[in-house]
């Protein structure tokens, strides 16, 4: 059976949550879910975006940030620029995301667009 698109990336992100728990950080499933959602909204293939998503969702105590950063570098690789252990992006944005929405779909409170 073929793997669903993105399932390898999702497994890698969830695996990072497990890895943090194995290192003693208090990371629950709710935080891992929030991390995965944040990674999708940002760019899960960009190390900076992924690190900030992790910092914003996986820990809340100031003293845990250094441990998270160390674990991030160990898990995803400190020298990786784009892949970070995740599969490379092999898709383009659908045309529907780059085109302007129909007039009826725009908010009546939004300022007019040129």
N, C-alpha and C. Protein backbone atom coordinates (compact mmCIF):
# COMPACT_ATOMS: atom_id res chain seq x y z
N UNK A 1 0.85 -1.18 0.00
CA UNK A 1 0.00 0.00 0.00
C UNK A 1 0.89 1.24 0.00
N UNK A 2 0.51 2.22 -0.80
CA UNK A 2 1.30 3.45 -0.90
C UNK A 2 1.15 4.29 0.36
N UNK A 3 2.23 4.95 0.70
CA UNK A 3 2.22 5.83 1.86
C UNK A 3 1.47 7.11 1.54
N UNK A 4 0.71 7.64 2.48
CA UNK A 4 0.00 8.89 2.27
C UNK A 4 1.01 10.03 2.19
N UNK A 5 0.74 11.04 1.33
CA UNK A 5 1.66 12.17 1.24
C UNK A 5 1.81 12.85 2.60
N UNK A 6 3.03 13.11 2.98
CA UNK A 6 3.29 13.80 4.24
C UNK A 6 3.37 12.91 5.46
N UNK A 7 3.07 11.61 5.30
CA UNK A 7 3.07 10.75 6.49
C UNK A 7 4.47 10.56 7.06
N UNK A 8 5.49 10.54 6.19
CA UNK A 8 6.87 10.41 6.69
C UNK A 8 7.27 11.66 7.48
N UNK A 9 6.87 12.82 6.97
CA UNK A 9 7.17 14.08 7.67
C UNK A 9 6.43 14.12 9.00
N UNK A 10 5.17 13.73 9.01
CA UNK A 10 4.40 13.71 10.25
C UNK A 10 5.02 12.77 11.26
N UNK A 11 5.42 11.60 10.82
CA UNK A 11 6.05 10.63 11.72
C UNK A 11 7.35 11.19 12.29
N UNK A 12 8.09 11.92 11.48
CA UNK A 12 9.34 12.52 11.95
C UNK A 12 9.05 13.59 13.01
N UNK A 13 8.02 14.40 12.81
CA UNK A 13 7.67 15.44 13.78
C UNK A 13 7.19 14.82 15.09
N UNK A 14 6.33 13.82 15.00
CA UNK A 14 5.84 13.13 16.19
C UNK A 14 7.00 12.43 16.90
N UNK A 15 7.90 11.87 16.12
CA UNK A 15 9.08 11.22 16.68
C UNK A 15 9.93 12.19 17.48
N UNK A 16 9.96 13.45 17.06
CA UNK A 16 10.72 14.45 17.81
C UNK A 16 10.10 14.65 19.19
N UNK A 17 8.78 14.65 19.27
CA UNK A 17 8.11 14.74 20.57
C UNK A 17 8.49 13.58 21.48
N UNK A 18 8.52 12.38 20.91
CA UNK A 18 8.93 11.20 21.68
C UNK A 18 10.38 11.33 22.14
N UNK A 19 11.21 11.84 21.24
CA UNK A 19 12.63 12.02 21.55
C UNK A 19 12.79 13.00 22.72
N UNK A 20 12.02 14.07 22.71
CA UNK A 20 12.09 15.04 23.82
C UNK A 20 11.69 14.38 25.13
N UNK A 21 10.63 13.57 25.10
CA UNK A 21 10.20 12.87 26.32
C UNK A 21 11.30 11.93 26.82
N UNK A 22 11.98 11.26 25.89
CA UNK A 22 13.05 10.34 26.29
C UNK A 22 14.22 11.09 26.92
N UNK A 23 14.33 12.38 26.64
CA UNK A 23 15.39 13.20 27.22
C UNK A 23 14.92 13.92 28.48
N UNK A 24 13.70 13.61 28.94
CA UNK A 24 13.22 14.14 30.20
C UNK A 24 12.41 15.42 30.12
N UNK A 25 12.11 15.90 28.93
CA UNK A 25 11.29 17.11 28.82
C UNK A 25 9.81 16.73 28.92
N UNK A 26 9.02 17.53 29.63
CA UNK A 26 7.60 17.22 29.81
C UNK A 26 6.78 17.62 28.58
N UNK A 27 6.74 16.75 27.58
CA UNK A 27 6.04 17.04 26.33
C UNK A 27 4.90 16.05 26.18
N UNK A 28 3.67 16.56 26.26
CA UNK A 28 2.49 15.72 26.13
C UNK A 28 1.98 15.67 24.70
N UNK A 29 0.97 14.85 24.47
CA UNK A 29 0.43 14.70 23.13
C UNK A 29 -0.21 15.99 22.61
N UNK A 30 -0.79 16.78 23.49
CA UNK A 30 -1.37 18.06 23.07
C UNK A 30 -0.31 18.99 22.51
N UNK A 31 0.84 19.01 23.15
CA UNK A 31 1.94 19.86 22.67
C UNK A 31 2.49 19.34 21.34
N UNK A 32 2.58 18.03 21.19
CA UNK A 32 3.06 17.46 19.93
C UNK A 32 2.08 17.77 18.80
N UNK A 33 0.79 17.68 19.08
CA UNK A 33 -0.23 18.02 18.09
C UNK A 33 -0.10 19.49 17.69
N UNK A 34 0.07 20.36 18.67
CA UNK A 34 0.24 21.79 18.37
C UNK A 34 1.49 22.03 17.54
N UNK A 35 2.57 21.30 17.83
CA UNK A 35 3.81 21.42 17.07
C UNK A 35 3.58 21.02 15.61
N UNK A 36 2.90 19.92 15.38
CA UNK A 36 2.63 19.46 14.02
C UNK A 36 1.77 20.47 13.26
N UNK A 37 0.77 21.01 13.93
CA UNK A 37 -0.08 22.02 13.29
C UNK A 37 0.71 23.28 12.95
N UNK A 38 1.55 23.71 13.87
CA UNK A 38 2.38 24.90 13.62
C UNK A 38 3.35 24.65 12.48
N UNK A 39 3.92 23.46 12.42
CA UNK A 39 4.87 23.14 11.36
C UNK A 39 4.20 23.20 9.99
N UNK A 40 2.96 22.77 9.91
CA UNK A 40 2.23 22.81 8.65
C UNK A 40 1.93 24.24 8.24
N UNK A 41 1.55 25.08 9.19
CA UNK A 41 1.24 26.47 8.88
C UNK A 41 2.50 27.20 8.43
N UNK A 42 3.62 26.88 9.04
CA UNK A 42 4.89 27.48 8.64
C UNK A 42 5.46 26.64 7.50
N UNK A 43 6.73 26.38 7.51
CA UNK A 43 7.35 25.55 6.49
C UNK A 43 8.11 24.43 7.18
N UNK A 44 7.55 23.21 7.20
CA UNK A 44 8.21 22.13 7.92
C UNK A 44 9.55 21.71 7.32
N UNK A 45 9.90 22.28 6.17
CA UNK A 45 11.17 21.96 5.52
C UNK A 45 12.21 23.04 5.77
N UNK A 46 11.87 24.05 6.55
CA UNK A 46 12.79 25.13 6.87
C UNK A 46 13.19 25.00 8.34
N UNK A 47 14.49 24.89 8.59
CA UNK A 47 14.98 24.65 9.96
C UNK A 47 14.58 25.75 10.91
N UNK A 48 14.65 26.99 10.47
CA UNK A 48 14.31 28.11 11.35
C UNK A 48 12.84 28.07 11.72
N UNK A 49 11.97 27.87 10.72
CA UNK A 49 10.53 27.78 11.01
C UNK A 49 10.23 26.62 11.94
N UNK A 50 10.85 25.49 11.66
CA UNK A 50 10.58 24.30 12.48
C UNK A 50 11.07 24.48 13.91
N UNK A 51 12.23 25.10 14.07
CA UNK A 51 12.76 25.34 15.43
C UNK A 51 11.83 26.28 16.20
N UNK A 52 11.36 27.35 15.54
CA UNK A 52 10.47 28.29 16.24
C UNK A 52 9.12 27.65 16.55
N UNK A 53 8.65 26.80 15.65
CA UNK A 53 7.40 26.07 15.94
C UNK A 53 7.59 25.19 17.17
N UNK A 54 8.74 24.53 17.25
CA UNK A 54 9.03 23.68 18.41
C UNK A 54 9.12 24.50 19.69
N UNK A 55 9.82 25.62 19.63
CA UNK A 55 9.98 26.46 20.82
C UNK A 55 8.64 27.04 21.28
N UNK A 56 7.77 27.36 20.33
CA UNK A 56 6.49 27.98 20.67
C UNK A 56 5.47 26.98 21.21
N UNK A 57 5.63 25.71 20.87
CA UNK A 57 4.58 24.75 21.22
C UNK A 57 5.01 23.63 22.17
N UNK A 58 6.26 23.23 22.13
CA UNK A 58 6.65 22.03 22.86
C UNK A 58 7.11 22.28 24.29
N UNK A 59 7.60 23.46 24.59
CA UNK A 59 8.03 23.77 25.95
C UNK A 59 7.45 25.12 26.37
N UNK A 60 7.34 25.31 27.67
CA UNK A 60 6.82 26.58 28.16
C UNK A 60 7.70 27.20 29.24
N UNK A 61 8.61 26.41 29.78
CA UNK A 61 9.49 26.94 30.82
C UNK A 61 10.79 27.44 30.19
N UNK A 62 11.21 28.60 30.64
CA UNK A 62 12.42 29.22 30.10
C UNK A 62 13.62 28.28 30.20
N UNK A 63 13.71 27.56 31.29
CA UNK A 63 14.85 26.66 31.49
C UNK A 63 14.85 25.46 30.54
N UNK A 64 13.75 25.21 29.84
CA UNK A 64 13.70 24.08 28.90
C UNK A 64 14.15 24.44 27.49
N UNK A 65 14.29 25.73 27.18
CA UNK A 65 14.65 26.13 25.82
C UNK A 65 16.02 25.61 25.40
N UNK A 66 17.01 25.68 26.27
CA UNK A 66 18.35 25.19 25.92
C UNK A 66 18.32 23.69 25.65
N UNK A 67 17.59 22.94 26.47
CA UNK A 67 17.48 21.49 26.27
C UNK A 67 16.75 21.18 24.96
N UNK A 68 15.72 21.96 24.65
CA UNK A 68 14.99 21.76 23.40
C UNK A 68 15.91 22.04 22.21
N UNK A 69 16.66 23.14 22.25
CA UNK A 69 17.56 23.47 21.15
C UNK A 69 18.62 22.39 20.95
N UNK A 70 19.16 21.89 22.04
CA UNK A 70 20.16 20.82 21.96
C UNK A 70 19.55 19.55 21.35
N UNK A 71 18.35 19.22 21.78
CA UNK A 71 17.66 18.04 21.25
C UNK A 71 17.30 18.24 19.78
N UNK A 72 16.89 19.45 19.42
CA UNK A 72 16.55 19.76 18.03
C UNK A 72 17.75 19.51 17.12
N UNK A 73 18.91 20.04 17.54
CA UNK A 73 20.13 19.86 16.75
C UNK A 73 20.52 18.38 16.65
N UNK A 74 20.36 17.65 17.73
CA UNK A 74 20.71 16.23 17.73
C UNK A 74 19.75 15.42 16.85
N UNK A 75 18.47 15.77 16.89
CA UNK A 75 17.46 14.99 16.16
C UNK A 75 17.40 15.34 14.68
N UNK A 76 17.38 16.63 14.38
CA UNK A 76 17.25 17.07 12.99
C UNK A 76 18.59 17.36 12.33
N UNK A 77 19.64 17.48 13.13
CA UNK A 77 20.96 17.78 12.59
C UNK A 77 21.23 19.27 12.63
N UNK A 78 22.33 19.66 13.23
CA UNK A 78 22.62 21.09 13.38
C UNK A 78 23.11 21.72 12.09
N UNK A 79 23.66 20.92 11.18
CA UNK A 79 24.21 21.49 9.96
C UNK A 79 23.26 21.42 8.77
N UNK A 80 22.13 20.76 8.93
CA UNK A 80 21.21 20.61 7.80
C UNK A 80 20.56 21.94 7.47
N UNK A 81 20.48 22.22 6.19
CA UNK A 81 19.91 23.50 5.78
C UNK A 81 18.44 23.39 5.44
N UNK A 82 18.04 22.41 4.61
CA UNK A 82 16.65 22.32 4.20
C UNK A 82 15.96 21.03 4.63
N UNK A 83 16.63 19.91 4.63
CA UNK A 83 15.91 18.66 4.81
C UNK A 83 15.60 18.35 6.27
N UNK A 84 16.55 18.51 7.17
CA UNK A 84 16.35 18.28 8.60
C UNK A 84 15.75 16.92 8.88
N UNK A 85 16.13 15.95 8.08
CA UNK A 85 15.60 14.61 8.28
C UNK A 85 14.22 14.41 7.71
N UNK A 86 13.66 15.46 7.12
CA UNK A 86 12.34 15.35 6.52
C UNK A 86 12.51 15.17 5.02
N UNK A 87 11.56 14.54 4.36
CA UNK A 87 11.67 14.40 2.91
C UNK A 87 11.63 15.77 2.24
N UNK A 88 12.38 15.90 1.16
CA UNK A 88 12.38 17.16 0.43
C UNK A 88 11.00 17.40 -0.18
N UNK A 89 10.63 18.65 -0.26
CA UNK A 89 9.35 19.03 -0.82
C UNK A 89 9.34 18.68 -2.31
N UNK A 90 8.31 18.00 -2.75
CA UNK A 90 8.22 17.61 -4.15
C UNK A 90 6.91 18.07 -4.76
N UNK A 91 6.44 19.19 -4.38
CA UNK A 91 5.17 19.68 -4.90
C UNK A 91 5.25 21.18 -5.11
N UNK A 92 4.32 21.68 -5.88
CA UNK A 92 4.22 23.11 -6.11
C UNK A 92 2.88 23.56 -5.56
N UNK A 93 2.78 24.81 -5.23
CA UNK A 93 1.51 25.33 -4.73
C UNK A 93 0.45 25.18 -5.82
N UNK A 94 -0.71 24.67 -5.46
CA UNK A 94 -1.78 24.59 -6.45
C UNK A 94 -2.15 25.98 -6.94
N UNK A 95 -2.57 26.06 -8.18
CA UNK A 95 -2.94 27.35 -8.76
C UNK A 95 -4.05 28.00 -7.95
N UNK A 96 -4.92 27.20 -7.35
CA UNK A 96 -6.03 27.76 -6.58
C UNK A 96 -5.56 28.56 -5.38
N UNK A 97 -4.35 28.28 -4.88
CA UNK A 97 -3.84 29.03 -3.73
C UNK A 97 -3.18 30.34 -4.14
N UNK A 98 -2.82 30.46 -5.41
CA UNK A 98 -2.13 31.66 -5.85
C UNK A 98 -3.04 32.62 -6.60
N UNK A 99 -4.24 32.18 -6.91
CA UNK A 99 -5.16 33.07 -7.62
C UNK A 99 -6.04 33.81 -6.63
N UNK A 100 -6.56 34.90 -7.06
CA UNK A 100 -7.42 35.73 -6.23
C UNK A 100 -8.78 35.07 -6.04
N UNK A 101 -9.35 35.11 -4.82
CA UNK A 101 -10.66 34.49 -4.61
C UNK A 101 -11.76 35.29 -5.34
N UNK A 102 -12.85 34.64 -5.68
CA UNK A 102 -13.96 35.37 -6.31
C UNK A 102 -14.45 36.48 -5.40
N UNK A 103 -15.05 37.48 -6.00
CA UNK A 103 -15.50 38.66 -5.25
C UNK A 103 -16.40 38.27 -4.08
N UNK A 104 -17.28 37.32 -4.27
CA UNK A 104 -18.21 36.93 -3.20
C UNK A 104 -17.48 36.31 -2.02
N UNK A 105 -16.30 35.77 -2.24
CA UNK A 105 -15.56 35.12 -1.16
C UNK A 105 -14.80 36.12 -0.30
N UNK A 106 -14.67 37.36 -0.76
CA UNK A 106 -13.95 38.35 0.02
C UNK A 106 -14.86 38.96 1.09
N UNK A 107 -14.26 39.33 2.17
CA UNK A 107 -15.02 39.94 3.26
C UNK A 107 -15.50 41.33 2.87
N UNK A 108 -16.70 41.67 3.27
CA UNK A 108 -17.19 43.01 2.96
C UNK A 108 -16.51 44.06 3.82
N UNK A 109 -15.82 43.63 4.89
CA UNK A 109 -15.12 44.57 5.76
C UNK A 109 -13.67 44.77 5.35
N UNK A 110 -13.20 43.93 4.47
CA UNK A 110 -11.80 44.06 4.03
C UNK A 110 -11.66 45.27 3.13
N UNK A 111 -10.51 45.94 3.20
CA UNK A 111 -10.31 47.09 2.31
C UNK A 111 -10.28 46.63 0.86
N UNK A 112 -10.71 47.49 -0.06
CA UNK A 112 -10.71 47.10 -1.47
C UNK A 112 -9.29 46.80 -1.96
N UNK A 113 -9.21 45.83 -2.82
CA UNK A 113 -7.92 45.46 -3.40
C UNK A 113 -7.75 46.18 -4.73
N UNK A 114 -6.51 46.51 -5.05
CA UNK A 114 -6.28 47.18 -6.34
C UNK A 114 -6.52 46.26 -7.50
